[in-house]
N, C-alpha and C. Protein backbone atom coordinates (compact mmCIF):
# COMPACT_ATOMS: atom_id res chain seq x y z
N MET A 1 68.95 201.01 50.55
CA MET A 1 68.90 200.12 51.78
C MET A 1 68.06 200.26 52.57
N LYS A 2 67.54 201.79 52.65
CA LYS A 2 66.28 201.70 53.81
C LYS A 2 65.00 201.42 53.53
N ALA A 3 64.68 201.27 52.08
CA ALA A 3 63.65 200.58 51.48
C ALA A 3 63.59 199.14 51.63
N LEU A 4 64.73 198.47 51.40
CA LEU A 4 65.07 197.01 51.73
C LEU A 4 64.58 196.88 53.26
N THR A 5 65.41 197.58 54.21
CA THR A 5 65.15 197.24 55.64
C THR A 5 63.59 197.33 55.80
N GLU A 6 63.18 198.68 55.34
CA GLU A 6 61.55 198.31 55.93
C GLU A 6 60.79 197.31 55.01
N SER A 7 61.13 197.06 53.99
CA SER A 7 60.43 195.66 53.23
C SER A 7 60.44 194.44 53.73
N ILE A 8 61.87 194.24 54.43
CA ILE A 8 62.04 192.96 55.16
C ILE A 8 61.00 193.22 56.61
N LEU A 9 61.13 194.01 57.43
CA LEU A 9 60.51 194.25 58.73
C LEU A 9 59.10 194.06 58.33
N ALA A 10 58.76 194.69 57.13
CA ALA A 10 57.17 194.44 57.01
C ALA A 10 56.61 193.14 56.44
N VAL A 11 57.73 192.41 55.81
CA VAL A 11 57.41 190.88 55.70
C VAL A 11 57.44 189.96 57.04
N VAL A 12 58.33 190.27 57.89
CA VAL A 12 58.27 189.68 59.03
C VAL A 12 57.23 190.14 59.95
N VAL A 13 56.92 191.25 60.02
CA VAL A 13 55.47 191.45 60.99
C VAL A 13 54.09 190.91 60.23
N CYS A 14 54.01 190.86 58.81
CA CYS A 14 53.04 190.34 58.39
C CYS A 14 52.93 188.72 58.57
N SER A 15 54.13 188.19 58.37
CA SER A 15 54.19 186.91 58.44
C SER A 15 53.90 186.45 60.04
N THR A 16 54.10 187.33 60.87
CA THR A 16 54.02 187.16 62.63
C THR A 16 52.69 187.14 62.71
N LEU A 17 51.90 188.06 62.19
CA LEU A 17 50.48 188.37 62.30
C LEU A 17 49.78 187.23 61.75
N VAL A 18 50.08 186.70 60.81
CA VAL A 18 49.39 185.65 59.64
C VAL A 18 49.42 184.22 60.46
N SER A 19 50.58 183.82 60.88
CA SER A 19 50.92 182.60 61.08
C SER A 19 49.97 182.09 62.34
N ALA A 20 49.45 180.83 62.67
CA ALA A 20 48.70 180.55 63.54
C ALA A 20 49.61 179.99 64.93
N ALA A 21 48.77 179.84 66.04
CA ALA A 21 49.47 179.72 66.96
C ALA A 21 49.82 178.51 66.87
N THR A 22 50.97 177.96 67.84
CA THR A 22 51.43 176.59 67.99
C THR A 22 51.69 176.44 69.30
N GLU A 23 51.70 175.13 69.70
CA GLU A 23 52.15 174.73 71.01
C GLU A 23 52.82 173.47 70.99
N ALA A 24 53.62 173.15 72.05
CA ALA A 24 54.75 172.13 72.07
C ALA A 24 53.70 170.96 72.60
N SER A 25 54.20 169.68 72.55
CA SER A 25 53.37 168.66 73.20
C SER A 25 53.55 168.75 74.66
N SER A 26 52.25 168.67 75.14
CA SER A 26 51.87 168.65 76.64
C SER A 26 52.09 167.26 77.27
N HIS A 27 52.33 166.40 76.49
CA HIS A 27 52.80 164.84 77.17
C HIS A 27 51.57 164.27 77.97
N ARG A 28 50.50 165.08 77.83
CA ARG A 28 49.45 164.85 78.53
C ARG A 28 48.27 164.97 77.53
N GLU A 29 48.13 164.49 76.60
CA GLU A 29 47.45 164.90 75.61
C GLU A 29 45.98 164.22 75.43
N ALA A 30 46.21 162.68 76.41
CA ALA A 30 44.69 162.09 76.41
C ALA A 30 44.13 162.35 77.71
N PRO A 31 43.10 162.91 77.86
CA PRO A 31 42.41 163.44 79.23
C PRO A 31 42.42 162.24 80.29
N ASN A 32 42.23 160.80 79.90
CA ASN A 32 41.79 159.87 80.75
C ASN A 32 43.63 159.30 81.56
N ILE A 33 44.64 159.69 80.48
CA ILE A 33 46.03 159.26 81.20
C ILE A 33 46.19 159.91 82.35
N SER A 34 45.88 161.36 82.73
CA SER A 34 46.27 161.86 83.86
C SER A 34 45.92 161.07 84.97
N ARG A 35 44.95 159.96 84.93
CA ARG A 35 44.96 159.33 86.01
C ARG A 35 45.65 158.15 86.32
N PHE A 36 46.49 157.73 85.21
CA PHE A 36 47.15 156.86 85.23
C PHE A 36 48.99 157.09 84.64
N PRO A 37 49.43 157.93 85.31
CA PRO A 37 50.98 158.76 84.72
C PRO A 37 51.69 157.93 84.81
N THR A 38 51.79 156.85 85.22
CA THR A 38 52.96 155.98 85.17
C THR A 38 52.95 154.67 83.69
N LEU A 39 51.57 154.93 83.09
CA LEU A 39 51.25 154.57 81.97
C LEU A 39 51.44 155.48 80.70
N ASP A 40 51.61 156.56 81.01
CA ASP A 40 51.67 157.60 80.10
C ASP A 40 53.20 157.67 79.08
N SER A 41 53.06 157.06 77.87
CA SER A 41 54.03 156.87 76.84
C SER A 41 54.40 158.47 76.76
N THR A 42 55.68 158.96 76.72
CA THR A 42 55.80 160.31 76.24
C THR A 42 56.19 160.51 75.13
N ASP A 43 57.42 159.42 75.04
CA ASP A 43 58.36 160.17 73.89
C ASP A 43 58.78 158.59 73.40
N PHE A 44 59.09 158.19 72.20
CA PHE A 44 59.85 157.15 71.54
C PHE A 44 60.65 157.26 70.61
N TYR A 45 61.67 156.83 70.76
CA TYR A 45 62.90 157.12 69.56
C TYR A 45 63.43 155.21 68.80
N ALA A 46 63.75 155.69 67.54
CA ALA A 46 64.36 154.65 67.01
C ALA A 46 65.43 154.89 66.13
N PHE A 47 66.33 154.43 66.16
CA PHE A 47 67.55 154.71 65.41
C PHE A 47 68.33 153.41 65.19
N ASN A 48 69.13 153.46 63.69
CA ASN A 48 70.04 152.46 63.50
C ASN A 48 71.33 152.85 64.19
N SER A 49 72.08 151.68 64.67
CA SER A 49 73.21 152.08 65.01
C SER A 49 74.53 152.43 64.25
N TYR A 50 75.34 153.40 64.55
CA TYR A 50 76.63 153.62 63.98
C TYR A 50 77.43 152.95 64.09
N GLU A 51 78.03 152.01 64.81
CA GLU A 51 78.93 151.29 65.00
C GLU A 51 79.04 150.37 63.64
N GLN A 52 80.53 150.37 63.64
CA GLN A 52 81.06 149.58 62.53
C GLN A 52 80.64 147.99 62.67
N GLY A 53 79.92 147.49 61.57
CA GLY A 53 79.65 146.05 61.59
C GLY A 53 78.06 145.98 61.95
N ARG A 54 77.65 147.17 62.65
CA ARG A 54 76.30 146.78 63.18
C ARG A 54 74.95 147.71 62.71
N GLY A 55 75.06 148.20 61.69
CA GLY A 55 74.34 148.80 60.68
C GLY A 55 72.87 148.24 60.52
N ASP A 56 72.78 146.81 60.63
CA ASP A 56 71.80 146.52 60.56
C ASP A 56 70.65 146.53 61.95
N TYR A 57 71.14 147.03 62.86
CA TYR A 57 70.74 146.73 64.31
C TYR A 57 70.05 148.05 64.53
N VAL A 58 68.88 147.82 65.57
CA VAL A 58 68.14 149.33 65.63
C VAL A 58 68.38 149.24 67.29
N THR A 59 68.11 150.45 67.57
CA THR A 59 68.10 150.98 69.21
C THR A 59 66.56 151.50 69.36
N LEU A 60 65.92 151.20 70.24
CA LEU A 60 64.56 151.52 70.58
C LEU A 60 64.30 151.90 71.98
N ILE A 61 64.11 153.43 72.29
CA ILE A 61 63.89 153.74 73.80
C ILE A 61 62.64 154.45 73.76
N ALA A 62 61.95 154.03 74.94
CA ALA A 62 60.59 154.50 75.22
C ALA A 62 60.69 155.10 76.30
N ASN A 63 59.93 156.50 76.54
CA ASN A 63 59.95 157.19 77.39
C ASN A 63 58.50 157.03 78.49
N TYR A 64 58.51 157.01 79.55
CA TYR A 64 57.08 157.11 80.07
C TYR A 64 57.36 158.10 81.48
N ILE A 65 56.14 158.39 81.90
CA ILE A 65 55.88 159.19 83.03
C ILE A 65 56.20 160.83 83.12
N PRO A 66 55.82 161.22 82.16
CA PRO A 66 55.97 162.69 81.97
C PRO A 66 55.92 163.54 83.11
N LEU A 67 56.71 164.81 82.71
CA LEU A 67 56.62 165.77 83.85
C LEU A 67 57.67 165.63 85.12
N GLN A 68 58.54 164.50 84.63
CA GLN A 68 59.25 164.21 85.93
C GLN A 68 60.61 164.87 85.79
N ASP A 69 60.98 165.70 86.64
CA ASP A 69 62.42 166.52 86.52
C ASP A 69 63.40 165.36 86.61
N GLY A 70 64.49 165.87 86.07
CA GLY A 70 65.71 164.97 85.94
C GLY A 70 66.48 164.99 87.63
N TYR A 71 66.48 166.37 88.07
CA TYR A 71 66.72 166.37 89.41
C TYR A 71 65.91 165.97 90.90
N GLY A 72 65.17 165.32 90.32
CA GLY A 72 63.94 164.61 91.33
C GLY A 72 64.39 163.54 92.09
N GLY A 73 65.71 162.72 91.37
CA GLY A 73 66.11 161.52 91.79
C GLY A 73 66.98 161.80 93.17
N PRO A 74 67.19 160.46 93.71
CA PRO A 74 66.99 159.08 93.42
C PRO A 74 65.43 158.77 93.53
N ASN A 75 64.63 159.33 93.94
CA ASN A 75 63.41 159.26 94.34
C ASN A 75 62.06 159.29 93.05
N TYR A 76 62.77 158.76 91.95
CA TYR A 76 61.99 158.90 90.71
C TYR A 76 60.44 158.29 91.02
N PHE A 77 59.68 158.49 89.92
CA PHE A 77 58.15 157.55 89.95
C PHE A 77 58.49 156.02 89.88
N ALA A 78 57.69 155.21 90.19
CA ALA A 78 58.11 153.76 89.98
C ALA A 78 57.32 153.22 88.65
N MET A 79 57.59 152.69 88.01
CA MET A 79 56.88 152.03 86.65
C MET A 79 55.84 151.10 87.41
N ASP A 80 54.90 151.23 86.87
CA ASP A 80 53.48 150.36 87.49
C ASP A 80 53.78 148.81 87.50
N PRO A 81 53.83 147.94 88.39
CA PRO A 81 53.99 146.67 88.54
C PRO A 81 53.12 145.84 88.07
N ASP A 82 51.42 146.50 87.76
CA ASP A 82 50.56 145.56 87.26
C ASP A 82 50.59 145.71 85.73
N ALA A 83 51.27 146.47 85.07
CA ALA A 83 50.99 146.83 83.57
C ALA A 83 52.22 146.25 82.86
N THR A 84 51.77 146.14 81.84
CA THR A 84 52.46 145.88 80.73
C THR A 84 52.89 146.74 79.95
N TYR A 85 54.11 146.95 79.68
CA TYR A 85 54.63 148.24 78.85
C TYR A 85 55.23 147.50 77.25
N SER A 86 54.57 147.71 75.96
CA SER A 86 54.25 147.03 74.94
C SER A 86 55.13 148.02 73.93
N ILE A 87 55.90 147.31 73.36
CA ILE A 87 56.22 148.11 71.99
C ILE A 87 56.17 147.07 70.80
N HIS A 88 55.25 147.92 69.88
CA HIS A 88 54.85 146.86 68.80
C HIS A 88 55.61 147.29 67.62
N ILE A 89 56.26 146.39 66.70
CA ILE A 89 57.01 146.56 65.48
C ILE A 89 56.79 146.26 64.22
N ASP A 90 56.11 146.85 63.44
CA ASP A 90 55.73 146.46 62.05
C ASP A 90 56.90 146.40 61.36
N ASN A 91 57.42 145.41 60.73
CA ASN A 91 58.61 145.20 59.34
C ASN A 91 58.44 145.42 58.08
N ASP A 92 57.03 145.21 57.82
CA ASP A 92 56.69 145.09 56.43
C ASP A 92 56.01 146.29 55.89
N GLY A 93 55.32 147.32 56.78
CA GLY A 93 54.54 148.33 56.42
C GLY A 93 52.94 147.77 56.24
N ASP A 94 52.47 146.73 56.79
CA ASP A 94 51.03 146.34 56.73
C ASP A 94 50.36 146.90 57.66
N ALA A 95 50.87 147.41 58.67
CA ALA A 95 49.95 148.09 59.49
C ALA A 95 49.62 147.22 60.52
N VAL A 96 50.37 145.97 60.64
CA VAL A 96 50.01 144.81 61.57
C VAL A 96 51.32 144.45 62.37
N GLU A 97 51.40 144.31 63.86
CA GLU A 97 52.74 144.13 64.14
C GLU A 97 53.45 142.81 64.04
N ASP A 98 54.63 142.67 63.78
CA ASP A 98 55.39 141.64 63.32
C ASP A 98 56.46 141.30 64.53
N ILE A 99 56.28 141.92 65.66
CA ILE A 99 57.47 141.77 66.44
C ILE A 99 56.71 142.30 67.81
N THR A 100 56.72 142.08 68.77
CA THR A 100 55.85 142.42 70.10
C THR A 100 57.10 142.50 71.28
N PHE A 101 57.66 143.82 71.86
CA PHE A 101 58.50 143.63 72.79
C PHE A 101 57.32 143.81 74.31
N ALA A 102 57.28 143.30 75.18
CA ALA A 102 56.48 143.17 76.25
C ALA A 102 57.28 143.45 77.57
N PHE A 103 57.29 144.48 78.65
CA PHE A 103 58.04 144.46 79.61
C PHE A 103 57.02 144.59 80.41
N ASN A 104 57.36 143.93 81.88
CA ASN A 104 57.00 144.21 83.06
C ASN A 104 58.01 144.40 84.33
N PHE A 105 57.62 145.24 84.91
CA PHE A 105 58.37 145.83 86.20
C PHE A 105 58.09 145.30 87.57
N LYS A 106 59.17 145.19 88.23
CA LYS A 106 58.65 145.07 89.83
C LYS A 106 59.71 145.85 90.65
N SER A 107 59.59 146.36 91.80
CA SER A 107 60.43 146.86 92.59
C SER A 107 61.21 146.05 93.05
N MET A 108 62.36 146.31 93.36
CA MET A 108 63.33 145.43 94.30
C MET A 108 63.93 146.08 95.55
N LEU A 109 63.31 146.98 96.09
CA LEU A 109 63.26 147.68 97.16
C LEU A 109 63.26 146.78 98.33
N PRO A 110 64.43 146.83 99.25
CA PRO A 110 64.28 146.16 100.68
C PRO A 110 63.01 146.66 101.48
N ASN A 111 62.60 145.90 102.69
CA ASN A 111 61.77 146.48 103.42
C ASN A 111 60.54 146.54 102.97
N ASP A 112 59.92 145.56 102.22
CA ASP A 112 58.63 145.58 101.80
C ASP A 112 58.62 146.89 100.81
N ASN A 113 59.55 146.78 100.04
CA ASN A 113 59.37 148.08 98.74
C ASN A 113 59.44 149.56 99.84
N GLN A 114 59.80 149.67 100.87
CA GLN A 114 59.70 150.94 101.76
C GLN A 114 61.36 151.59 101.59
N GLY A 115 62.21 150.61 101.09
CA GLY A 115 63.43 151.26 100.77
C GLY A 115 64.16 150.55 102.13
N VAL A 116 65.26 151.09 102.53
CA VAL A 116 66.18 150.99 103.77
C VAL A 116 65.46 151.28 105.29
N ALA A 117 65.58 150.06 105.86
CA ALA A 117 64.72 150.39 107.29
C ALA A 117 65.80 151.15 108.41
N LEU A 118 65.21 152.25 108.77
CA LEU A 118 65.91 153.20 109.59
C LEU A 118 65.81 152.60 111.24
N THR A 119 66.90 152.23 112.04
CA THR A 119 66.52 151.62 113.29
C THR A 119 67.10 152.76 114.43
């Protein structure tokens, strides 16, 4: 039993020493995007609906503006009103978009986008 334990320990130590270093995604992988954080696409999710009768439906979720903490609200960073956020869909695998969803955003805050005026 002692020999087996020592063998397992040796394998674990050797595999740790031999394995390459890995890092998680930085969400800032393109150097130039740091100048435009509101345009930085961080994550994209696509999944089929699990609801009965909606198996042919797909839900798409795109995340932008990395490194924004959830507890930072309600004053989150705004989407860029001068940008067009696009999602391109290829339905047949030919590497050419078949459907494009394009989104433009604008602030709906009162007082010239400064929020509520205090008097």
